[in-house]
N, C-alpha and C. Protein backbone atom coordinates (compact mmCIF):
# COMPACT_ATOMS: atom_id res chain seq x y z
N UNK A 1 2.02 -19.63 13.96
CA UNK A 1 1.48 -19.30 12.57
C UNK A 1 1.16 -17.69 12.35
N UNK A 2 1.58 -17.25 11.39
CA UNK A 2 0.64 -15.81 10.93
C UNK A 2 -1.13 -16.13 10.94
N UNK A 3 -1.72 -14.98 10.83
CA UNK A 3 -2.79 -14.87 10.78
C UNK A 3 -3.35 -15.16 9.22
N UNK A 4 -3.97 -15.83 9.06
CA UNK A 4 -4.20 -16.46 7.90
C UNK A 4 -3.86 -17.21 7.35
N UNK A 5 -2.84 -18.01 7.80
CA UNK A 5 -1.84 -18.91 7.36
C UNK A 5 -2.46 -20.23 7.53
N UNK A 6 -2.11 -21.36 6.78
CA UNK A 6 -2.80 -22.90 7.49
C UNK A 6 -1.87 -23.25 8.35
N UNK A 7 -2.63 -23.96 9.34
CA UNK A 7 -2.20 -24.65 10.54
C UNK A 7 -0.58 -25.52 10.25
N UNK A 8 0.28 -25.21 11.25
CA UNK A 8 0.98 -26.42 10.51
C UNK A 8 0.97 -27.65 11.38
N UNK A 9 1.66 -29.11 11.13
CA UNK A 9 1.45 -30.26 11.74
C UNK A 9 1.90 -29.82 13.29
N UNK A 10 0.84 -30.40 13.78
CA UNK A 10 0.67 -30.30 15.84
C UNK A 10 1.23 -31.70 16.35
N UNK A 11 1.91 -31.60 16.93
CA UNK A 11 2.65 -32.72 17.67
C UNK A 11 2.60 -32.39 18.94
N UNK A 12 3.34 -33.58 19.99
CA UNK A 12 3.24 -33.68 21.16
C UNK A 12 3.45 -35.12 21.80
N UNK A 13 3.54 -35.17 22.90
CA UNK A 13 4.12 -36.23 23.70
C UNK A 13 2.94 -36.63 24.64
N UNK A 14 3.07 -37.95 25.54
CA UNK A 14 2.15 -38.35 26.78
C UNK A 14 3.29 -38.14 27.37
N UNK A 15 2.72 -37.74 28.85
CA UNK A 15 3.84 -37.52 29.93
C UNK A 15 3.03 -38.34 31.14
N UNK A 16 4.06 -38.67 32.22
CA UNK A 16 3.00 -39.05 33.57
C UNK A 16 3.67 -40.64 33.59
N UNK A 17 4.38 -41.09 33.17
CA UNK A 17 4.96 -42.54 33.35
C UNK A 17 5.21 -42.82 34.41
N UNK A 18 5.09 -43.71 35.22
CA UNK A 18 5.81 -43.95 36.72
C UNK A 18 6.65 -45.21 36.22
N UNK A 19 7.92 -45.22 37.24
CA UNK A 19 8.64 -46.18 37.52
C UNK A 19 9.37 -46.49 36.05
N UNK A 20 9.36 -47.89 35.58
CA UNK A 20 9.88 -47.98 34.48
C UNK A 20 8.78 -48.30 33.46
N UNK A 21 7.39 -48.06 33.43
CA UNK A 21 6.45 -48.47 32.71
C UNK A 21 6.72 -47.16 31.06
N UNK A 22 6.40 -47.96 30.00
CA UNK A 22 6.57 -47.48 28.71
C UNK A 22 5.26 -47.75 28.21
N UNK A 23 5.06 -46.53 27.08
CA UNK A 23 3.87 -46.28 26.22
C UNK A 23 2.88 -47.41 26.38
N UNK A 24 3.62 -48.93 25.62
CA UNK A 24 3.17 -49.90 25.57
C UNK A 24 2.27 -50.71 26.56
N UNK A 25 3.25 -50.14 27.64
CA UNK A 25 2.18 -51.28 28.96
C UNK A 25 1.33 -50.24 29.24
N UNK A 26 1.01 -49.13 29.14
CA UNK A 26 0.22 -48.05 29.50
C UNK A 26 -1.09 -47.83 28.77
N UNK A 27 -0.68 -47.64 27.75
CA UNK A 27 -1.92 -46.78 26.59
C UNK A 27 -1.98 -47.85 25.01
N UNK A 28 -2.85 -47.66 24.23
CA UNK A 28 -2.84 -48.17 23.21
C UNK A 28 -3.44 -47.35 22.20
N UNK A 29 -3.65 -47.23 21.10
CA UNK A 29 -4.15 -46.37 19.82
C UNK A 29 -2.96 -44.99 19.48
N UNK A 30 -3.00 -44.25 18.80
CA UNK A 30 -2.31 -43.17 18.19
C UNK A 30 -2.88 -41.89 18.76
N UNK A 31 -1.61 -41.33 19.29
CA UNK A 31 -2.14 -39.73 19.59
C UNK A 31 -2.23 -38.52 18.49
N UNK A 32 -3.23 -38.19 18.69
CA UNK A 32 -3.79 -37.06 17.55
C UNK A 32 -3.65 -35.68 18.53
N UNK A 33 -3.04 -34.52 18.21
CA UNK A 33 -2.84 -33.49 18.21
C UNK A 33 -3.64 -32.54 17.33
N UNK A 34 -5.01 -31.63 17.78
CA UNK A 34 -5.58 -30.98 17.12
C UNK A 34 -5.71 -29.60 17.88
N UNK A 35 -6.25 -28.63 16.98
CA UNK A 35 -6.83 -27.17 17.73
C UNK A 35 -7.95 -26.87 16.97
N UNK A 36 -8.63 -26.11 17.45
CA UNK A 36 -9.98 -25.66 16.99
C UNK A 36 -9.57 -24.31 16.04
N UNK A 37 -8.37 -23.84 15.94
CA UNK A 37 -8.13 -22.60 15.10
C UNK A 37 -7.73 -22.52 13.67
N UNK A 38 -8.38 -21.97 12.86
CA UNK A 38 -8.14 -22.31 11.40
C UNK A 38 -7.79 -20.88 11.08
N UNK A 39 -7.57 -20.98 9.57
CA UNK A 39 -7.17 -19.77 9.12
C UNK A 39 -7.81 -18.72 9.43
N UNK A 40 -8.98 -18.32 9.75
CA UNK A 40 -9.61 -17.01 9.98
C UNK A 40 -9.84 -16.83 11.36
N UNK A 41 -8.84 -17.74 12.09
CA UNK A 41 -8.93 -17.59 13.62
C UNK A 41 -8.28 -16.33 14.02
N UNK A 42 -8.54 -15.19 14.95
CA UNK A 42 -7.93 -14.08 15.02
C UNK A 42 -6.91 -14.55 15.97
N UNK A 43 -5.80 -13.70 15.73
CA UNK A 43 -4.68 -13.58 16.07
C UNK A 43 -4.52 -13.57 17.77
N UNK A 44 -3.53 -14.43 18.22
CA UNK A 44 -3.86 -14.77 19.84
C UNK A 44 -3.55 -16.21 20.30
N UNK A 45 -3.64 -16.22 21.57
CA UNK A 45 -3.50 -17.88 21.89
C UNK A 45 -4.57 -18.75 21.80
N UNK A 46 -4.44 -19.98 21.22
CA UNK A 46 -5.24 -21.12 20.99
C UNK A 46 -4.60 -22.24 21.79
N UNK A 47 -6.01 -23.46 21.63
CA UNK A 47 -5.61 -24.44 22.47
C UNK A 47 -5.19 -25.47 21.71
N UNK A 48 -4.35 -26.20 21.75
CA UNK A 48 -3.89 -27.73 21.06
C UNK A 48 -4.53 -28.70 22.25
N UNK A 49 -5.10 -29.77 21.85
CA UNK A 49 -5.60 -30.73 22.64
C UNK A 49 -4.98 -32.13 22.03
N UNK A 50 -4.61 -32.71 22.88
CA UNK A 50 -4.53 -34.18 22.55
C UNK A 50 -5.52 -35.21 22.60
N UNK A 51 -5.20 -36.39 21.85
CA UNK A 51 -6.44 -37.41 21.95
C UNK A 51 -5.89 -38.62 20.95
N UNK A 52 -7.15 -39.44 21.45
CA UNK A 52 -6.83 -40.84 20.28
C UNK A 52 -6.13 -42.17 21.25
N UNK A 53 -5.82 -41.99 22.42
CA UNK A 53 -5.27 -43.01 23.30
C UNK A 53 -6.56 -43.37 23.76
N UNK A 54 -6.01 -44.71 24.36
CA UNK A 54 -6.80 -45.27 25.43
C UNK A 54 -5.88 -45.94 26.22
N UNK A 55 -6.37 -45.83 27.82
CA UNK A 55 -5.69 -46.56 29.00
C UNK A 55 -5.70 -47.65 29.41
N UNK A 56 -4.99 -48.71 29.18
CA UNK A 56 -5.15 -49.90 29.27
C UNK A 56 -4.63 -50.59 30.53
N UNK A 57 -4.00 -50.13 31.27
CA UNK A 57 -3.38 -50.27 32.55
C UNK A 57 -3.75 -49.76 33.96
N UNK A 58 -4.31 -50.56 34.49
CA UNK A 58 -5.12 -50.01 35.68
C UNK A 58 -4.34 -49.22 37.19
N UNK A 59 -3.56 -48.94 36.66
CA UNK A 59 -2.52 -48.13 37.51
C UNK A 59 -2.31 -46.92 37.14
N UNK A 60 -3.00 -46.63 36.17
CA UNK A 60 -3.45 -44.95 35.70
C UNK A 60 -4.72 -44.69 35.38
N UNK A 61 -5.04 -43.43 35.56
CA UNK A 61 -6.55 -43.03 35.49
C UNK A 61 -6.53 -43.40 34.16
N UNK A 62 -8.34 -43.68 33.83
CA UNK A 62 -8.57 -44.10 32.54
C UNK A 62 -8.48 -42.91 31.32
N UNK A 63 -9.12 -41.80 32.50
CA UNK A 63 -8.99 -40.28 31.60
C UNK A 63 -7.81 -39.66 31.71
N UNK A 64 -7.36 -39.52 30.27
CA UNK A 64 -6.02 -38.86 29.93
C UNK A 64 -6.46 -37.07 30.00
N UNK A 65 -5.48 -36.51 30.57
CA UNK A 65 -5.77 -35.00 30.98
C UNK A 65 -5.04 -34.24 30.21
N UNK A 66 -5.45 -33.28 29.99
CA UNK A 66 -4.80 -32.09 28.87
C UNK A 66 -3.94 -31.48 30.04
N UNK A 67 -2.49 -31.42 29.49
CA UNK A 67 -1.58 -30.65 30.29
C UNK A 67 -1.92 -28.97 30.33
N UNK A 68 -1.71 -28.42 31.58
CA UNK A 68 -2.64 -26.60 31.57
C UNK A 68 -1.84 -26.17 30.51
N UNK A 69 -0.99 -26.23 30.03
CA UNK A 69 0.02 -25.32 28.92
C UNK A 69 -1.05 -25.33 27.27
N UNK A 70 -1.41 -26.72 27.50
CA UNK A 70 -2.19 -26.77 26.00
C UNK A 70 -3.20 -25.58 25.71
N UNK A 71 -3.44 -25.43 26.89
CA UNK A 71 -4.68 -24.20 26.63
C UNK A 71 -4.08 -22.92 25.72
N UNK A 72 -2.95 -22.87 25.70
CA UNK A 72 -2.24 -21.67 25.19
C UNK A 72 -1.17 -22.16 24.45
N UNK A 73 -1.25 -23.30 23.77
CA UNK A 73 0.19 -23.79 23.02
C UNK A 73 0.35 -23.47 21.51
N UNK A 74 -1.12 -22.95 21.36
CA UNK A 74 -0.98 -22.88 19.84
C UNK A 74 -0.82 -20.87 19.65
N UNK A 75 0.08 -20.21 19.13
CA UNK A 75 -0.37 -18.84 18.66
C UNK A 75 -0.31 -18.53 17.17
N UNK A 76 -1.20 -17.49 17.47
CA UNK A 76 -1.13 -16.92 15.90
C UNK A 76 -0.91 -15.56 16.16
N UNK A 77 0.02 -15.28 15.26
CA UNK A 77 0.50 -13.84 15.41
C UNK A 77 0.18 -12.99 14.17
N UNK A 78 0.22 -11.73 14.31
CA UNK A 78 -0.61 -10.75 13.41
C UNK A 78 0.09 -10.88 12.12
N UNK A 79 -0.55 -10.81 10.80
CA UNK A 79 -0.18 -10.62 9.97
C UNK A 79 0.63 -9.70 9.11
N UNK A 80 1.40 -9.22 8.40
CA UNK A 80 2.39 -7.95 7.80
C UNK A 80 1.88 -7.29 6.94
N UNK A 81 1.26 -6.00 7.13
CA UNK A 81 1.04 -5.50 6.05
C UNK A 81 2.37 -4.52 5.20
N UNK A 82 2.23 -4.78 4.03
CA UNK A 82 3.73 -3.91 3.28
C UNK A 82 2.80 -2.78 1.92
N UNK A 83 3.73 -1.47 1.98
CA UNK A 83 3.62 -0.61 1.09
C UNK A 83 4.26 -1.24 0.13
N UNK A 84 3.59 -1.26 -1.07
CA UNK A 84 4.36 -1.67 -2.40
C UNK A 84 4.17 -0.71 -3.40
N UNK A 85 4.87 0.20 -3.78
CA UNK A 85 4.86 1.20 -4.71
C UNK A 85 5.06 0.80 -6.24
N UNK A 86 4.04 1.27 -7.07
CA UNK A 86 4.40 0.76 -8.16
C UNK A 86 5.79 1.48 -9.11
N UNK A 87 6.19 0.64 -9.71
CA UNK A 87 7.36 1.30 -10.66
C UNK A 87 6.94 2.28 -11.81
N UNK A 88 8.15 3.55 -11.56
CA UNK A 88 7.21 4.54 -12.68
C UNK A 88 8.48 4.98 -13.28
N UNK A 89 8.69 5.40 -14.32
CA UNK A 89 9.91 6.15 -15.23
C UNK A 89 8.87 7.14 -15.98
N UNK A 90 10.08 8.65 -15.60
CA UNK A 90 9.32 9.67 -16.01
C UNK A 90 10.68 10.84 -16.42
N UNK A 91 10.04 11.30 -17.30
CA UNK A 91 11.08 12.55 -17.93
C UNK A 91 11.30 13.57 -16.92
N UNK A 92 12.71 14.05 -16.74
CA UNK A 92 13.08 15.33 -16.25
C UNK A 92 11.77 15.85 -16.42
N UNK A 93 11.52 16.91 -15.54
CA UNK A 93 10.53 18.16 -16.19
C UNK A 93 9.08 17.92 -15.82
N UNK A 94 8.85 16.47 -15.80
CA UNK A 94 7.55 16.19 -15.78
C UNK A 94 6.95 16.07 -14.30
N UNK A 95 5.69 15.82 -13.98
CA UNK A 95 5.48 15.55 -12.82
C UNK A 95 4.96 14.23 -12.71
N UNK A 96 5.03 13.60 -11.35
CA UNK A 96 4.92 12.13 -11.16
C UNK A 96 3.86 11.71 -10.47
N UNK A 97 3.15 10.69 -11.24
CA UNK A 97 1.73 10.05 -10.80
C UNK A 97 1.98 9.00 -9.98
N UNK A 98 2.10 9.03 -8.54
CA UNK A 98 2.43 7.85 -8.03
C UNK A 98 1.32 6.90 -7.53
N UNK A 99 1.27 5.45 -7.64
CA UNK A 99 0.26 4.58 -7.29
C UNK A 99 1.59 3.51 -6.35
N UNK A 100 0.48 2.72 -6.22
CA UNK A 100 0.65 1.76 -5.51
C UNK A 100 -0.32 0.77 -4.61
N UNK A 101 0.03 -0.30 -4.13
CA UNK A 101 -0.71 -1.31 -3.44
C UNK A 101 -0.34 -1.44 -1.83
N UNK A 102 -1.24 -2.10 -1.08
CA UNK A 102 -0.85 -2.60 0.35
C UNK A 102 -1.02 -4.35 0.01
N UNK A 103 -0.08 -4.59 0.29
CA UNK A 103 0.08 -6.16 0.36
C UNK A 103 0.29 -6.74 1.40
N UNK A 104 -0.60 -7.95 1.67
CA UNK A 104 -0.21 -9.04 3.10
C UNK A 104 -1.69 -8.86 3.81
N UNK A 105 -2.62 -8.65 3.01
CA UNK A 105 -4.02 -9.06 3.32
C UNK A 105 -4.47 -10.31 3.16
N UNK A 106 -5.00 -10.81 4.39
CA UNK A 106 -5.31 -12.36 4.30
C UNK A 106 -6.94 -12.41 4.56
N UNK A 107 -7.53 -13.69 4.12
CA UNK A 107 -8.77 -14.09 4.66
C UNK A 107 -9.72 -13.13 3.74
N UNK A 108 -9.02 -12.57 2.73
CA UNK A 108 -10.29 -12.09 1.95
C UNK A 108 -10.76 -10.45 2.47
N UNK A 109 -9.83 -9.87 3.53
CA UNK A 109 -9.67 -9.07 4.36
C UNK A 109 -9.78 -7.62 3.28
N UNK A 110 -10.51 -6.62 3.59
CA UNK A 110 -10.54 -5.63 2.70
C UNK A 110 -9.58 -4.44 3.40
N UNK A 111 -8.95 -3.76 2.85
CA UNK A 111 -7.98 -2.75 3.40
C UNK A 111 -8.64 -1.94 4.28
N UNK A 112 -10.14 -1.63 3.63
CA UNK A 112 -10.75 -0.78 4.40
C UNK A 112 -11.30 -1.05 5.90
N UNK A 113 -11.05 -2.39 6.05
CA UNK A 113 -11.73 -2.83 7.03
C UNK A 113 -10.65 -3.48 8.06
N UNK A 114 -9.62 -3.43 7.96
CA UNK A 114 -8.53 -3.48 8.96
C UNK A 114 -7.69 -2.13 8.92
N UNK A 115 -7.81 -0.98 8.21
CA UNK A 115 -6.84 -0.06 8.58
C UNK A 115 -7.95 1.10 8.55
N UNK A 116 -7.62 1.98 8.87
CA UNK A 116 -8.19 3.65 8.88
C UNK A 116 -7.44 4.74 7.86
N UNK A 117 -8.05 5.58 7.58
CA UNK A 117 -7.10 6.68 6.73
C UNK A 117 -7.27 6.99 5.61
N UNK A 118 -6.48 7.59 4.82
CA UNK A 118 -6.51 7.54 3.27
C UNK A 118 -5.14 6.97 2.83
N UNK A 119 -4.75 6.16 1.72
CA UNK A 119 -3.82 5.67 1.25
C UNK A 119 -3.04 6.75 0.45
N UNK A 120 -1.85 7.41 0.83
CA UNK A 120 -1.20 8.22 -0.12
C UNK A 120 0.30 7.80 -0.53
N UNK A 121 0.64 8.12 -1.65
CA UNK A 121 2.11 7.80 -1.93
C UNK A 121 2.95 9.22 -2.36
N UNK A 122 4.50 9.11 -1.73
CA UNK A 122 4.87 10.32 -1.87
C UNK A 122 6.17 10.34 -2.29
N UNK A 123 6.87 11.21 -3.01
CA UNK A 123 8.31 11.01 -2.83
C UNK A 123 8.86 12.44 -3.00
N UNK A 124 10.18 12.48 -2.60
CA UNK A 124 11.14 13.60 -2.81
C UNK A 124 11.37 14.21 -4.01
N UNK A 125 11.04 13.41 -5.11
CA UNK A 125 11.41 13.94 -6.68
C UNK A 125 10.36 14.90 -6.66
N UNK A 126 10.63 16.32 -7.51
CA UNK A 126 9.60 17.15 -8.01
C UNK A 126 9.99 17.30 -9.43
N UNK A 127 9.11 18.17 -10.03
CA UNK A 127 9.65 18.00 -11.54
C UNK A 127 11.46 18.63 -12.18
N UNK A 128 11.89 19.55 -11.05
CA UNK A 128 12.69 19.87 -11.03
C UNK A 128 14.39 19.20 -10.76
N UNK A 129 13.48 17.88 -9.93
CA UNK A 129 14.95 17.04 -9.47
C UNK A 129 15.43 16.57 -10.83
N UNK A 130 17.13 16.46 -10.54
CA UNK A 130 17.87 16.11 -11.51
C UNK A 130 17.69 14.71 -11.89
N UNK A 131 18.06 13.89 -13.13
CA UNK A 131 18.00 12.62 -13.36
C UNK A 131 18.35 11.78 -12.32
N UNK A 132 18.08 11.00 -11.68
CA UNK A 132 18.76 9.99 -10.56
C UNK A 132 17.32 8.80 -10.28
N UNK A 133 17.50 8.02 -9.40
CA UNK A 133 16.30 7.19 -9.04
C UNK A 133 16.06 7.57 -7.66
N UNK A 134 15.00 7.48 -7.38
CA UNK A 134 14.18 8.63 -6.25
C UNK A 134 13.29 7.23 -5.70
N UNK A 135 12.84 7.52 -4.16
CA UNK A 135 12.39 6.46 -3.44
C UNK A 135 10.18 6.89 -3.65
N UNK A 136 10.25 6.10 -3.50
CA UNK A 136 8.52 6.42 -3.30
C UNK A 136 7.88 5.89 -2.06
N UNK A 137 7.00 6.32 -0.89
CA UNK A 137 6.52 5.88 0.05
C UNK A 137 5.27 6.03 -0.02
N UNK A 138 4.86 4.65 0.79
CA UNK A 138 3.33 4.40 1.28
C UNK A 138 3.00 5.22 2.39
N UNK A 139 1.55 5.65 2.74
CA UNK A 139 1.49 6.46 3.82
C UNK A 139 -0.14 6.36 4.16
N UNK A 140 -0.06 7.07 4.93
CA UNK A 140 -1.60 7.68 5.57
C UNK A 140 -2.81 6.77 6.01
N UNK A 141 -2.21 5.36 6.56
CA UNK A 141 -2.92 4.53 6.82
C UNK A 141 -2.53 4.17 8.42
N UNK A 142 -3.36 3.98 9.26
CA UNK A 142 -3.58 3.38 11.03
C UNK A 142 -3.91 1.65 10.79
N UNK A 143 -3.32 0.91 10.98
CA UNK A 143 -3.66 -0.05 11.43
C UNK A 143 -4.83 -0.35 12.50
N UNK A 144 -6.23 -1.12 12.36
CA UNK A 144 -7.14 -0.81 13.15
C UNK A 144 -7.40 -2.61 13.52
N UNK A 145 -6.89 -3.61 13.15
CA UNK A 145 -7.24 -4.47 13.79
C UNK A 145 -6.07 -5.42 14.23
N UNK A 146 -6.45 -6.21 15.02
CA UNK A 146 -5.50 -6.71 16.15
C UNK A 146 -4.70 -7.81 15.30
N UNK A 147 -5.53 -8.62 13.92
CA UNK A 147 -5.01 -9.62 13.47
C UNK A 147 -3.81 -8.92 12.43
N UNK A 148 -3.41 -7.79 12.37
CA UNK A 148 -1.99 -7.30 11.60
C UNK A 148 -1.40 -6.27 12.23
N UNK A 149 -0.22 -6.68 12.23
CA UNK A 149 0.89 -5.82 12.89
C UNK A 149 0.72 -4.20 12.82
N UNK A 150 0.73 -3.32 13.87
CA UNK A 150 0.43 -1.87 13.80
C UNK A 150 0.96 -1.11 12.81
N UNK A 151 2.73 -1.59 12.45
CA UNK A 151 3.31 -0.85 11.63
C UNK A 151 3.37 -1.30 10.28
N UNK A 152 2.85 -0.92 9.12
CA UNK A 152 2.94 -1.11 7.75
C UNK A 152 4.17 -0.97 7.07
N UNK A 153 4.83 -2.01 6.73
CA UNK A 153 6.02 -1.96 6.28
C UNK A 153 6.36 -1.16 4.89
N UNK A 154 7.46 -0.66 4.36
CA UNK A 154 7.72 -0.04 3.40
C UNK A 154 8.57 -1.50 2.64
N UNK A 155 8.37 -1.53 1.21
CA UNK A 155 8.50 -2.80 0.36
C UNK A 155 9.92 -2.37 0.10
N UNK A 156 11.22 -3.23 0.21
CA UNK A 156 12.31 -2.67 -0.34
C UNK A 156 12.40 -2.18 -1.76
N UNK A 157 11.53 -2.49 -2.49
CA UNK A 157 11.70 -1.72 -3.80
C UNK A 157 11.34 -0.37 -4.11
N UNK A 158 10.55 -0.10 -2.82
CA UNK A 158 10.06 1.41 -2.67
C UNK A 158 11.16 2.35 -2.93
N UNK A 159 12.52 2.16 -2.22
CA UNK A 159 13.58 2.94 -2.29
C UNK A 159 14.08 2.98 -3.69
N UNK A 160 13.63 2.38 -4.97
CA UNK A 160 14.17 2.78 -6.22
C UNK A 160 13.13 2.65 -7.21
N UNK A 161 11.74 3.44 -6.52
CA UNK A 161 10.35 2.68 -7.15
C UNK A 161 10.51 3.98 -8.81
N UNK A 162 11.02 5.19 -8.28
CA UNK A 162 10.91 6.47 -9.33
C UNK A 162 12.29 6.67 -10.00
N UNK A 163 12.24 6.59 -11.36
CA UNK A 163 13.33 7.04 -12.17
C UNK A 163 13.19 7.84 -13.06
N UNK A 164 13.80 9.02 -12.83
CA UNK A 164 13.90 10.34 -13.70
C UNK A 164 14.82 10.15 -14.81
N UNK A 165 14.54 10.39 -15.98
CA UNK A 165 15.22 10.05 -17.05
C UNK A 165 15.63 11.48 -17.72
N UNK A 166 16.67 11.58 -18.51
CA UNK A 166 16.51 12.87 -19.38
C UNK A 166 15.35 13.26 -20.08
N UNK A 167 15.31 14.45 -19.95
CA UNK A 167 14.19 15.09 -21.28
C UNK A 167 14.47 14.48 -22.70
N UNK A 168 13.81 14.75 -23.71
CA UNK A 168 14.51 14.57 -24.85
C UNK A 168 13.94 15.76 -25.95
N UNK A 169 15.17 16.68 -26.46
CA UNK A 169 14.92 17.86 -27.31
C UNK A 169 15.10 17.13 -28.56
N UNK A 170 14.30 17.86 -29.47
CA UNK A 170 13.91 17.36 -30.78
C UNK A 170 14.32 18.57 -31.98
N UNK A 171 14.75 18.71 -32.96
CA UNK A 171 14.43 19.70 -34.27
C UNK A 171 13.53 19.69 -34.82
N UNK A 172 13.07 20.37 -34.64
CA UNK A 172 11.32 20.60 -35.43
C UNK A 172 11.78 21.55 -36.70
N UNK A 173 12.16 21.35 -37.99
CA UNK A 173 12.12 21.94 -38.88
C UNK A 173 10.60 22.78 -39.41
N UNK A 174 10.73 23.97 -39.73
CA UNK A 174 9.64 24.82 -40.53
C UNK A 174 9.43 24.37 -42.13
N UNK A 175 8.40 23.86 -42.46
CA UNK A 175 8.17 23.45 -43.93
C UNK A 175 8.33 24.69 -44.98
N UNK A 176 9.24 24.37 -45.87
CA UNK A 176 9.40 25.20 -46.93
C UNK A 176 9.12 24.52 -48.26
N UNK A 177 9.15 25.38 -49.23
CA UNK A 177 8.94 25.12 -50.52
C UNK A 177 9.70 25.91 -51.62
N UNK A 178 10.13 25.56 -52.53
CA UNK A 178 10.59 26.32 -53.86
C UNK A 178 10.03 25.65 -55.28
N UNK A 179 10.57 26.42 -56.12
CA UNK A 179 10.14 26.08 -57.72
C UNK A 179 11.63 25.34 -57.88
N UNK A 180 11.27 24.04 -58.83
CA UNK A 180 12.38 23.63 -59.58
C UNK A 180 13.25 24.33 -60.20
N UNK A 181 14.67 24.13 -59.39
CA UNK A 181 15.93 24.78 -60.11
C UNK A 181 16.32 26.27 -59.55
N UNK A 182 15.35 26.81 -58.35
CA UNK A 182 15.90 27.76 -57.89
C UNK A 182 16.66 27.64 -56.73
N UNK A 183 17.22 28.53 -55.96
CA UNK A 183 18.05 28.01 -54.53
C UNK A 183 17.06 27.80 -53.58
N UNK A 184 17.69 27.23 -52.76
CA UNK A 184 17.21 26.67 -51.45
C UNK A 184 16.67 27.95 -50.79
N UNK A 185 15.48 27.75 -50.19
CA UNK A 185 15.14 29.46 -49.12
C UNK A 185 16.21 28.85 -48.11
N UNK A 186 16.04 29.83 -47.29
CA UNK A 186 16.40 29.77 -45.90
C UNK A 186 15.62 28.72 -45.01
N UNK A 187 16.64 27.97 -44.08
CA UNK A 187 15.82 27.01 -43.76
C UNK A 187 15.75 27.40 -42.12
N UNK A 188 14.50 27.39 -41.49
CA UNK A 188 14.40 27.63 -40.05
C UNK A 188 13.75 26.48 -39.52
N UNK A 189 13.75 26.68 -37.96
CA UNK A 189 13.12 25.56 -37.31
C UNK A 189 13.23 25.99 -35.81
N UNK A 190 12.88 24.99 -34.85
CA UNK A 190 13.01 25.27 -33.62
C UNK A 190 13.12 24.11 -33.06
N UNK A 191 13.73 24.17 -31.66
CA UNK A 191 14.29 22.84 -30.82
C UNK A 191 13.21 22.68 -29.95
N UNK A 192 12.37 21.77 -29.79
CA UNK A 192 11.23 21.52 -29.10
C UNK A 192 11.77 20.18 -27.93
N UNK A 193 11.00 20.46 -26.93
CA UNK A 193 11.10 19.55 -25.53
C UNK A 193 11.60 19.90 -24.37
N UNK A 194 11.98 21.38 -24.26
CA UNK A 194 12.57 22.04 -23.42
C UNK A 194 11.66 21.85 -22.04
N UNK A 195 12.06 21.75 -20.76
CA UNK A 195 10.71 21.55 -19.63
C UNK A 195 11.01 22.68 -18.80
N UNK A 196 10.36 22.99 -17.82
CA UNK A 196 10.47 23.84 -16.74
C UNK A 196 10.58 25.31 -17.47
N UNK A 197 11.37 26.18 -17.22
CA UNK A 197 12.00 27.36 -17.58
C UNK A 197 13.23 27.37 -18.32
N UNK A 198 13.65 26.11 -18.56
CA UNK A 198 14.82 26.03 -19.56
C UNK A 198 14.44 26.71 -20.66
N UNK A 199 15.95 27.24 -20.93
CA UNK A 199 16.01 27.75 -22.44
C UNK A 199 16.93 27.12 -23.21
N UNK A 200 16.60 27.27 -24.31
CA UNK A 200 17.89 26.37 -25.46
C UNK A 200 19.05 26.95 -24.95
N UNK A 201 19.76 27.90 -25.09
CA UNK A 201 20.73 28.34 -23.84
C UNK A 201 21.42 28.07 -23.05
N UNK A 202 20.57 27.60 -22.36
CA UNK A 202 20.88 27.25 -21.04
C UNK A 202 20.98 25.55 -20.94
N UNK A 203 20.87 24.91 -21.74
CA UNK A 203 21.05 23.84 -21.69
C UNK A 203 21.62 23.26 -23.07
N UNK A 204 22.07 23.95 -24.10
CA UNK A 204 22.91 23.74 -25.53
C UNK A 204 24.19 24.55 -25.65
N UNK A 205 25.21 24.43 -26.30
CA UNK A 205 26.18 25.02 -26.92
C UNK A 205 26.37 24.83 -28.02
């Protein structure tokens, strides 16, 4: 099981019977298998011990031994950290503020206690990138704890975390006034919302 998770149910068997002897001929009680490993135990190999039985047949040793592999029968594997980028939607021509989190921490571990470096978020999208969907990638961290896999994965959603939408152009009329009964004045105004170095002539006809 993974570091930080609850232990699964532990099971095993009693071996060493001779001839046609069966369990009820040899022992009494209920076999119980336990481990000292807990959710906070470090990744690695741990023991599983059997107990709960009493030998009732004098043809068998009174003390039931632990099979040698029991000492390493329980494996705790490293947990997996994942970069998860926050979804962002922004207009063409704007800059991107990229954020996100690292998920997968266990046992109240702090990111700074299991990694080194500075968390950064990057994207191939720039203010001049056309409208489309872009990826946002986390990086900058190195795992320093053996309780976590050395490689931090990218969440699948990171591949489409940034959406660049069309910018909005707006007609903005200049305020005008006239006296009742007179002809309308010449109306003027501008179009606002152009981005970067775009000109009205380059984006409209």
